[in-house]
């Protein structure tokens, strides 16, 4: 797996990589608040991919917990 750093169009780069996924997706971030990226993860889960999302347990992420749990 090639590792690259991106400093522009970061969301678009992440979206592109998520859309390429065929088996599973693992994400570990402090905060996950991007609804568009979340919708992509949800769609991938509906396709049968294993999605693992590790986030910080705090007020920011608790607001999204209902969405994370779907």
Foldseek 3Di string as FASTA:
>chain_A
DDDDDDDPPVVVVVLVVLVPDDAEEEEEDAADDDPVVLVSVVVVVVVPHHYHYHYHPDPRVVVCVVSVVD
